[in-house]
Amino acid sequence: MIANRQERFEARITADQRGLIARAATLEGLSTSSFVVQRALASAAQTVEQHEVVRLSEYDSRCIAEALIDPPEPTEVVRQYRQSMSG
């Protein structure tokens, strides 16, 4: 896939950091820029997923499904709140 690259991103790094990144890029058969962009995008996607996706255990999933299928009776507090909101 050919991307239309319109934005530029710069970062200040040490010579040692640049050397390490260049070495890793060479080992992967990528340009330094491609290596950095691929790794940054993968890390960004993982970070977003970790913060936005809720993962439940099988037990928790089952509890939620059961509560949706057969919800418990509302508590007295909920009944009073509903009544206060309706009139």
PDB file of N, CA and C in Angstrom:
ATOM      1  N   MET A   1       0.840  -1.177   0.000  1.00  0.00           N
ATOM      2  CA  MET A   1       0.000   0.000   0.000  1.00  0.00           C
ATOM      3  C   MET A   1       0.884   1.240   0.000  1.00  0.00           C
ATOM      4  N   ILE A   2       0.644   2.124  -0.922  1.00  0.00           N
ATOM      5  CA  ILE A   2       1.409   3.361  -1.003  1.00  0.00           C
ATOM      6  C   ILE A   2       0.622   4.444  -0.290  1.00  0.00           C
ATOM      7  N   ALA A   3       1.261   5.057   0.667  1.00  0.00           N
ATOM      8  CA  ALA A   3       0.586   6.092   1.450  1.00  0.00           C
ATOM      9  C   ALA A   3       0.980   7.463   0.915  1.00  0.00           C
ATOM     10  N   ASN A   4       0.067   8.366   0.969  1.00  0.00           N
ATOM     11  CA  ASN A   4       0.348   9.746   0.590  1.00  0.00           C
ATOM     12  C   ASN A   4       0.869  10.459   1.828  1.00  0.00           C
ATOM     13  N   ARG A   5       2.162  10.588   1.924  1.00  0.00           N
ATOM     14  CA  ARG A   5       2.783  11.168   3.116  1.00  0.00           C
ATOM     15  C   ARG A   5       2.762  12.688   3.009  1.00  0.00           C
ATOM     16  N   GLN A   6       2.069  13.304   3.944  1.00  0.00           N
ATOM     17  CA  GLN A   6       1.941  14.756   3.914  1.00  0.00           C
ATOM     18  C   GLN A   6       2.492  15.408   5.172  1.00  0.00           C
ATOM     19  N   GLU A   7       2.636  14.668   6.232  1.00  0.00           N
ATOM     20  CA  GLU A   7       3.079  15.224   7.506  1.00  0.00           C
ATOM     21  C   GLU A   7       4.533  14.863   7.760  1.00  0.00           C
ATOM     22  N   ARG A   8       5.191  15.687   8.525  1.00  0.00           N
ATOM     23  CA  ARG A   8       6.572  15.431   8.911  1.00  0.00           C
ATOM     24  C   ARG A   8       6.624  15.373  10.426  1.00  0.00           C
ATOM     25  N   PHE A   9       7.414  14.455  10.955  1.00  0.00           N
ATOM     26  CA  PHE A   9       7.570  14.280  12.405  1.00  0.00           C
ATOM     27  C   PHE A   9       9.059  14.282  12.708  1.00  0.00           C
ATOM     28  N   GLU A  10       9.455  15.055  13.684  1.00  0.00           N
ATOM     29  CA  GLU A  10      10.859  15.114  14.070  1.00  0.00           C
ATOM     30  C   GLU A  10      11.003  14.795  15.544  1.00  0.00           C
ATOM     31  N   ALA A  11      12.144  14.225  15.887  1.00  0.00           N
ATOM     32  CA  ALA A  11      12.433  13.924  17.286  1.00  0.00           C
ATOM     33  C   ALA A  11      13.924  14.138  17.519  1.00  0.00           C
ATOM     34  N   ARG A  12      14.250  14.642  18.659  1.00  0.00           N
ATOM     35  CA  ARG A  12      15.664  14.830  19.013  1.00  0.00           C
ATOM     36  C   ARG A  12      16.131  13.592  19.766  1.00  0.00           C
ATOM     37  N   ILE A  13      17.192  12.979  19.258  1.00  0.00           N
ATOM     38  CA  ILE A  13      17.748  11.782  19.874  1.00  0.00           C
ATOM     39  C   ILE A  13      19.266  11.894  19.898  1.00  0.00           C
ATOM     40  N   THR A  14      19.865  11.083  20.736  1.00  0.00           N
ATOM     41  CA  THR A  14      21.328  11.078  20.819  1.00  0.00           C
ATOM     42  C   THR A  14      21.900  10.290  19.638  1.00  0.00           C
ATOM     43  N   ALA A  15      23.198  10.458  19.419  1.00  0.00           N
ATOM     44  CA  ALA A  15      23.881   9.716  18.364  1.00  0.00           C
ATOM     45  C   ALA A  15      23.796   8.213  18.628  1.00  0.00           C
ATOM     46  N   ASP A  16      23.917   7.817  19.889  1.00  0.00           N
ATOM     47  CA  ASP A  16      23.808   6.393  20.232  1.00  0.00           C
ATOM     48  C   ASP A  16      22.419   5.849  19.914  1.00  0.00           C
ATOM     49  N   GLN A  17      21.392   6.624  20.230  1.00  0.00           N
ATOM     50  CA  GLN A  17      20.026   6.191  19.933  1.00  0.00           C
ATOM     51  C   GLN A  17      19.819   6.067  18.424  1.00  0.00           C
ATOM     52  N   ARG A  18      20.321   7.050  17.690  1.00  0.00           N
ATOM     53  CA  ARG A  18      20.190   7.004  16.225  1.00  0.00           C
ATOM     54  C   ARG A  18      20.919   5.787  15.659  1.00  0.00           C
ATOM     55  N   GLY A  19      22.080   5.508  16.180  1.00  0.00           N
ATOM     56  CA  GLY A  19      22.843   4.352  15.717  1.00  0.00           C
ATOM     57  C   GLY A  19      22.117   3.048  15.980  1.00  0.00           C
ATOM     58  N   LEU A  20      21.540   2.916  17.156  1.00  0.00           N
ATOM     59  CA  LEU A  20      20.801   1.707  17.503  1.00  0.00           C
ATOM     60  C   LEU A  20      19.585   1.541  16.597  1.00  0.00           C
ATOM     61  N   ILE A  21      18.869   2.625  16.372  1.00  0.00           N
ATOM     62  CA  ILE A  21      17.694   2.573  15.499  1.00  0.00           C
ATOM     63  C   ILE A  21      18.115   2.219  14.072  1.00  0.00           C
ATOM     64  N   ALA A  22      19.178   2.817  13.586  1.00  0.00           N
ATOM     65  CA  ALA A  22      19.665   2.521  12.237  1.00  0.00           C
ATOM     66  C   ALA A  22      20.080   1.055  12.121  1.00  0.00           C
ATOM     67  N   ARG A  23      20.738   0.538  13.134  1.00  0.00           N
ATOM     68  CA  ARG A  23      21.156  -0.873  13.116  1.00  0.00           C
ATOM     69  C   ARG A  23      19.937  -1.790  13.084  1.00  0.00           C
ATOM     70  N   ALA A  24      18.947  -1.495  13.932  1.00  0.00           N
ATOM     71  CA  ALA A  24      17.726  -2.306  13.960  1.00  0.00           C
ATOM     72  C   ALA A  24      16.997  -2.235  12.620  1.00  0.00           C
ATOM     73  N   ALA A  25      16.925  -1.058  12.029  1.00  0.00           N
ATOM     74  CA  ALA A  25      16.263  -0.899  10.734  1.00  0.00           C
ATOM     75  C   ALA A  25      16.966  -1.730   9.673  1.00  0.00           C
ATOM     76  N   THR A  26      18.299  -1.697   9.671  1.00  0.00           N
ATOM     77  CA  THR A  26      19.070  -2.487   8.709  1.00  0.00           C
ATOM     78  C   THR A  26      18.804  -3.975   8.893  1.00  0.00           C
ATOM     79  N   LEU A  27      18.761  -4.429  10.137  1.00  0.00           N
ATOM     80  CA  LEU A  27      18.495  -5.844  10.403  1.00  0.00           C
ATOM     81  C   LEU A  27      17.112  -6.269   9.906  1.00  0.00           C
ATOM     82  N   GLU A  28      16.168  -5.335   9.920  1.00  0.00           N
ATOM     83  CA  GLU A  28      14.806  -5.613   9.447  1.00  0.00           C
ATOM     84  C   GLU A  28      14.657  -5.367   7.946  1.00  0.00           C
ATOM     85  N   GLY A  29      15.704  -4.845   7.309  1.00  0.00           N
ATOM     86  CA  GLY A  29      15.638  -4.560   5.878  1.00  0.00           C
ATOM     87  C   GLY A  29      14.790  -3.348   5.555  1.00  0.00           C
ATOM     88  N   LEU A  30      14.739  -2.399   6.477  1.00  0.00           N
ATOM     89  CA  LEU A  30      13.921  -1.201   6.308  1.00  0.00           C
ATOM     90  C   LEU A  30      14.796   0.044   6.369  1.00  0.00           C
ATOM     91  N   SER A  31      14.271   1.129   5.806  1.00  0.00           N
ATOM     92  CA  SER A  31      14.931   2.410   6.018  1.00  0.00           C
ATOM     93  C   SER A  31      14.706   2.815   7.468  1.00  0.00           C
ATOM     94  N   THR A  32      15.531   3.712   7.935  1.00  0.00           N
ATOM     95  CA  THR A  32      15.372   4.183   9.314  1.00  0.00           C
ATOM     96  C   THR A  32      13.988   4.798   9.507  1.00  0.00           C
ATOM     97  N   SER A  33      13.569   5.609   8.549  1.00  0.00           N
ATOM     98  CA  SER A  33      12.249   6.252   8.656  1.00  0.00           C
ATOM     99  C   SER A  33      11.121   5.226   8.691  1.00  0.00           C
ATOM    100  N   SER A  34      11.178   4.253   7.781  1.00  0.00           N
ATOM    101  CA  SER A  34      10.132   3.233   7.757  1.00  0.00           C
ATOM    102  C   SER A  34      10.107   2.431   9.051  1.00  0.00           C
ATOM    103  N   PHE A  35      11.287   2.095   9.551  1.00  0.00           N
ATOM    104  CA  PHE A  35      11.379   1.345  10.801  1.00  0.00           C
ATOM    105  C   PHE A  35      10.742   2.123  11.951  1.00  0.00           C
ATOM    106  N   VAL A  36      11.114   3.388  12.071  1.00  0.00           N
ATOM    107  CA  VAL A  36      10.594   4.212  13.172  1.00  0.00           C
ATOM    108  C   VAL A  36       9.083   4.374  13.052  1.00  0.00           C
ATOM    109  N   VAL A  37       8.593   4.637  11.848  1.00  0.00           N
ATOM    110  CA  VAL A  37       7.149   4.838  11.663  1.00  0.00           C
ATOM    111  C   VAL A  37       6.386   3.552  11.966  1.00  0.00           C
ATOM    112  N   GLN A  38       6.868   2.415  11.446  1.00  0.00           N
ATOM    113  CA  GLN A  38       6.182   1.143  11.713  1.00  0.00           C
ATOM    114  C   GLN A  38       6.127   0.839  13.198  1.00  0.00           C
ATOM    115  N   ARG A  39       7.246   1.002  13.876  1.00  0.00           N
ATOM    116  CA  ARG A  39       7.285   0.691  15.307  1.00  0.00           C
ATOM    117  C   ARG A  39       6.452   1.682  16.123  1.00  0.00           C
ATOM    118  N   ALA A  40       6.487   2.951  15.753  1.00  0.00           N
ATOM    119  CA  ALA A  40       5.699   3.953  16.478  1.00  0.00           C
ATOM    120  C   ALA A  40       4.206   3.697  16.291  1.00  0.00           C
ATOM    121  N   LEU A  41       3.792   3.374  15.064  1.00  0.00           N
ATOM    122  CA  LEU A  41       2.379   3.100  14.816  1.00  0.00           C
ATOM    123  C   LEU A  41       1.905   1.857  15.566  1.00  0.00           C
ATOM    124  N   ALA A  42       2.723   0.814  15.571  1.00  0.00           N
ATOM    125  CA  ALA A  42       2.346  -0.400  16.297  1.00  0.00           C
ATOM    126  C   ALA A  42       2.222  -0.123  17.786  1.00  0.00           C
ATOM    127  N   SER A  43       3.160   0.632  18.327  1.00  0.00           N
ATOM    128  CA  SER A  43       3.118   0.968  19.748  1.00  0.00           C
ATOM    129  C   SER A  43       1.916   1.860  20.067  1.00  0.00           C
ATOM    130  N   ALA A  44       1.641   2.817  19.194  1.00  0.00           N
ATOM    131  CA  ALA A  44       0.500   3.713  19.409  1.00  0.00           C
ATOM    132  C   ALA A  44      -0.811   2.941  19.377  1.00  0.00           C
ATOM    133  N   ALA A  45      -0.954   2.036  18.418  1.00  0.00           N
ATOM    134  CA  ALA A  45      -2.182   1.232  18.326  1.00  0.00           C
ATOM    135  C   ALA A  45      -2.356   0.372  19.572  1.00  0.00           C
ATOM    136  N   GLN A  46      -1.270  -0.216  20.044  1.00  0.00           N
ATOM    137  CA  GLN A  46      -1.337  -1.044  21.245  1.00  0.00           C
ATOM    138  C   GLN A  46      -1.714  -0.205  22.464  1.00  0.00           C
ATOM    139  N   THR A  47      -1.143   0.972  22.583  1.00  0.00           N
ATOM    140  CA  THR A  47      -1.448   1.854  23.708  1.00  0.00           C
ATOM    141  C   THR A  47      -2.918   2.268  23.700  1.00  0.00           C
ATOM    142  N   VAL A  48      -3.424   2.648  22.535  1.00  0.00           N
ATOM    143  CA  VAL A  48      -4.836   3.042  22.424  1.00  0.00           C
ATOM    144  C   VAL A  48      -5.737   1.868  22.790  1.00  0.00           C
ATOM    145  N   GLU A  49      -5.410   0.686  22.270  1.00  0.00           N
ATOM    146  CA  GLU A  49      -6.232  -0.494  22.581  1.00  0.00           C
ATOM    147  C   GLU A  49      -6.236  -0.790  24.074  1.00  0.00           C
ATOM    148  N   GLN A  50      -5.085  -0.685  24.712  1.00  0.00           N
ATOM    149  CA  GLN A  50      -5.008  -0.967  26.149  1.00  0.00           C
ATOM    150  C   GLN A  50      -5.869  -0.005  26.965  1.00  0.00           C
ATOM    151  N   HIS A  51      -6.036   1.208  26.469  1.00  0.00           N
ATOM    152  CA  HIS A  51      -6.810   2.194  27.213  1.00  0.00           C
ATOM    153  C   HIS A  51      -8.282   2.242  26.828  1.00  0.00           C
ATOM    154  N   GLU A  52      -8.629   1.749  25.649  1.00  0.00           N
ATOM    155  CA  GLU A  52      -9.997   1.882  25.175  1.00  0.00           C
ATOM    156  C   GLU A  52     -10.775   0.578  25.104  1.00  0.00           C
ATOM    157  N   VAL A  53     -10.104  -0.555  25.124  1.00  0.00           N
ATOM    158  CA  VAL A  53     -10.779  -1.839  25.008  1.00  0.00           C
ATOM    159  C   VAL A  53     -10.857  -2.481  26.388  1.00  0.00           C
ATOM    160  N   VAL A  54     -12.052  -2.867  26.773  1.00  0.00           N
ATOM    161  CA  VAL A  54     -12.250  -3.536  28.051  1.00  0.00           C
ATOM    162  C   VAL A  54     -12.235  -5.037  27.805  1.00  0.00           C
ATOM    163  N   ARG A  55     -11.357  -5.721  28.467  1.00  0.00           N
ATOM    164  CA  ARG A  55     -11.273  -7.175  28.335  1.00  0.00           C
ATOM    165  C   ARG A  55     -11.826  -7.795  29.621  1.00  0.00           C
ATOM    166  N   LEU A  56     -12.753  -8.726  29.451  1.00  0.00           N
ATOM    167  CA  LEU A  56     -13.383  -9.380  30.591  1.00  0.00           C
ATOM    168  C   LEU A  56     -13.002 -10.851  30.621  1.00  0.00           C
ATOM    169  N   SER A  57     -12.964 -11.371  31.821  1.00  0.00           N
ATOM    170  CA  SER A  57     -12.764 -12.815  31.947  1.00  0.00           C
ATOM    171  C   SER A  57     -14.039 -13.506  31.481  1.00  0.00           C
ATOM    172  N   GLU A  58     -13.957 -14.795  31.265  1.00  0.00           N
ATOM    173  CA  GLU A  58     -15.137 -15.554  30.865  1.00  0.00           C
ATOM    174  C   GLU A  58     -16.231 -15.428  31.924  1.00  0.00           C
ATOM    175  N   TYR A  59     -15.828 -15.470  33.185  1.00  0.00           N
ATOM    176  CA  TYR A  59     -16.794 -15.353  34.290  1.00  0.00           C
ATOM    177  C   TYR A  59     -17.493 -13.991  34.254  1.00  0.00           C
ATOM    178  N   ASP A  60     -16.714 -12.920  34.110  1.00  0.00           N
ATOM    179  CA  ASP A  60     -17.299 -11.581  34.077  1.00  0.00           C
ATOM    180  C   ASP A  60     -18.221 -11.408  32.875  1.00  0.00           C
ATOM    181  N   SER A  61     -17.814 -11.941  31.730  1.00  0.00           N
ATOM    182  CA  SER A  61     -18.659 -11.867  30.535  1.00  0.00           C
ATOM    183  C   SER A  61     -19.989 -12.569  30.766  1.00  0.00           C
ATOM    184  N   ARG A  62     -19.923 -13.738  31.395  1.00  0.00           N
ATOM    185  CA  ARG A  62     -21.140 -14.497  31.679  1.00  0.00           C
ATOM    186  C   ARG A  62     -22.047 -13.726  32.641  1.00  0.00           C
ATOM    187  N   CYS A  63     -21.467 -13.116  33.666  1.00  0.00           N
ATOM    188  CA  CYS A  63     -22.270 -12.350  34.636  1.00  0.00           C
ATOM    189  C   CYS A  63     -22.992 -11.184  33.962  1.00  0.00           C
ATOM    190  N   ILE A  64     -22.295 -10.480  33.082  1.00  0.00           N
ATOM    191  CA  ILE A  64     -22.917  -9.357  32.382  1.00  0.00           C
ATOM    192  C   ILE A  64     -24.028  -9.854  31.466  1.00  0.00           C
ATOM    193  N   ALA A  65     -23.761 -10.918  30.724  1.00  0.00           N
ATOM    194  CA  ALA A  65     -24.783 -11.474  29.830  1.00  0.00           C
ATOM    195  C   ALA A  65     -26.012 -11.899  30.620  1.00  0.00           C
ATOM    196  N   GLU A  66     -25.816 -12.574  31.735  1.00  0.00           N
ATOM    197  CA  GLU A  66     -26.949 -13.017  32.560  1.00  0.00           C
ATOM    198  C   GLU A  66     -27.729 -11.835  33.111  1.00  0.00           C
ATOM    199  N   ALA A  67     -27.029 -10.782  33.515  1.00  0.00           N
ATOM    200  CA  ALA A  67     -27.710  -9.595  34.039  1.00  0.00           C
ATOM    201  C   ALA A  67     -28.523  -8.903  32.948  1.00  0.00           C
ATOM    202  N   LEU A  68     -28.042  -8.942  31.721  1.00  0.00           N
ATOM    203  CA  LEU A  68     -28.794  -8.337  30.618  1.00  0.00           C
ATOM    204  C   LEU A  68     -29.992  -9.188  30.232  1.00  0.00           C
ATOM    205  N   ILE A  69     -29.824 -10.494  30.244  1.00  0.00           N
ATOM    206  CA  ILE A  69     -30.907 -11.408  29.876  1.00  0.00           C
ATOM    207  C   ILE A  69     -31.979 -11.442  30.954  1.00  0.00           C
ATOM    208  N   ASP A  70     -31.569 -11.499  32.200  1.00  0.00           N
ATOM    209  CA  ASP A  70     -32.498 -11.586  33.327  1.00  0.00           C
ATOM    210  C   ASP A  70     -32.072 -10.585  34.395  1.00  0.00           C
ATOM    211  N   PRO A  71     -32.392  -9.297  34.179  1.00  0.00           N
ATOM    212  CA  PRO A  71     -31.914  -8.280  35.120  1.00  0.00           C
ATOM    213  C   PRO A  71     -32.529  -8.450  36.506  1.00  0.00           C
ATOM    214  N   PRO A  72     -31.773  -8.090  37.532  1.00  0.00           N
ATOM    215  CA  PRO A  72     -32.313  -8.179  38.884  1.00  0.00           C
ATOM    216  C   PRO A  72     -33.401  -7.127  39.100  1.00  0.00           C
ATOM    217  N   GLU A  73     -34.222  -7.358  40.085  1.00  0.00           N
ATOM    218  CA  GLU A  73     -35.253  -6.380  40.440  1.00  0.00           C
ATOM    219  C   GLU A  73     -34.575  -5.097  40.920  1.00  0.00           C
ATOM    220  N   PRO A  74     -35.138  -3.933  40.585  1.00  0.00           N
ATOM    221  CA  PRO A  74     -34.540  -2.675  41.047  1.00  0.00           C
ATOM    222  C   PRO A  74     -34.614  -2.556  42.565  1.00  0.00           C
ATOM    223  N   THR A  75     -33.614  -1.950  43.122  1.00  0.00           N
ATOM    224  CA  THR A  75     -33.588  -1.717  44.569  1.00  0.00           C
ATOM    225  C   THR A  75     -34.563  -0.605  44.923  1.00  0.00           C
ATOM    226  N   GLU A  76     -34.799  -0.432  46.197  1.00  0.00           N
ATOM    227  CA  GLU A  76     -35.711   0.619  46.666  1.00  0.00           C
ATOM    228  C   GLU A  76     -35.198   1.994  46.240  1.00  0.00           C
ATOM    229  N   VAL A  77     -33.918   2.196  46.315  1.00  0.00           N
ATOM    230  CA  VAL A  77     -33.331   3.486  45.922  1.00  0.00           C
ATOM    231  C   VAL A  77     -33.611   3.757  44.445  1.00  0.00           C
ATOM    232  N   VAL A  78     -33.456   2.763  43.604  1.00  0.00           N
ATOM    233  CA  VAL A  78     -33.714   2.929  42.175  1.00  0.00           C
ATOM    234  C   VAL A  78     -35.197   3.214  41.941  1.00  0.00           C
ATOM    235  N   ARG A  79     -36.070   2.504  42.628  1.00  0.00           N
ATOM    236  CA  ARG A  79     -37.512   2.751  42.476  1.00  0.00           C
ATOM    237  C   ARG A  79     -37.859   4.176  42.891  1.00  0.00           C
ATOM    238  N   GLN A  80     -37.285   4.644  43.989  1.00  0.00           N
ATOM    239  CA  GLN A  80     -37.565   6.009  44.432  1.00  0.00           C
ATOM    240  C   GLN A  80     -37.024   7.030  43.417  1.00  0.00           C
ATOM    241  N   TYR A  81     -35.880   6.774  42.873  1.00  0.00           N
ATOM    242  CA  TYR A  81     -35.315   7.683  41.891  1.00  0.00           C
ATOM    243  C   TYR A  81     -36.195   7.731  40.639  1.00  0.00           C
ATOM    244  N   ARG A  82     -36.615   6.581  40.158  1.00  0.00           N
ATOM    245  CA  ARG A  82     -37.503   6.540  38.989  1.00  0.00           C
ATOM    246  C   ARG A  82     -38.788   7.319  39.256  1.00  0.00           C
ATOM    247  N   GLN A  83     -39.325   7.140  40.454  1.00  0.00           N
ATOM    248  CA  GLN A  83     -40.567   7.819  40.803  1.00  0.00           C
ATOM    249  C   GLN A  83     -40.333   9.334  40.839  1.00  0.00           C
ATOM    250  N   SER A  84     -39.219   9.764  41.400  1.00  0.00           N
ATOM    251  CA  SER A  84     -38.950  11.196  41.490  1.00  0.00           C
ATOM    252  C   SER A  84     -38.725  11.799  40.101  1.00  0.00           C
ATOM    253  N   MET A  85     -38.214  11.028  39.166  1.00  0.00           N
ATOM    254  CA  MET A  85     -37.947  11.533  37.822  1.00  0.00           C
ATOM    255  C   MET A  85     -39.209  11.553  36.958  1.00  0.00           C
ATOM    256  N   SER A  86     -40.188  10.742  37.325  1.00  0.00           N
ATOM    257  CA  SER A  86     -41.393  10.671  36.483  1.00  0.00           C
ATOM    258  C   SER A  86     -42.446  11.711  36.872  1.00  0.00           C
ATOM    259  N   GLY A  87     -42.276  12.327  37.947  1.00  0.00           N
ATOM    260  CA  GLY A  87     -43.360  13.218  38.286  1.00  0.00           C
ATOM    261  C   GLY A  87     -42.985  14.344  39.102  1.00  0.00           C
TER     262      GLY A  87
END
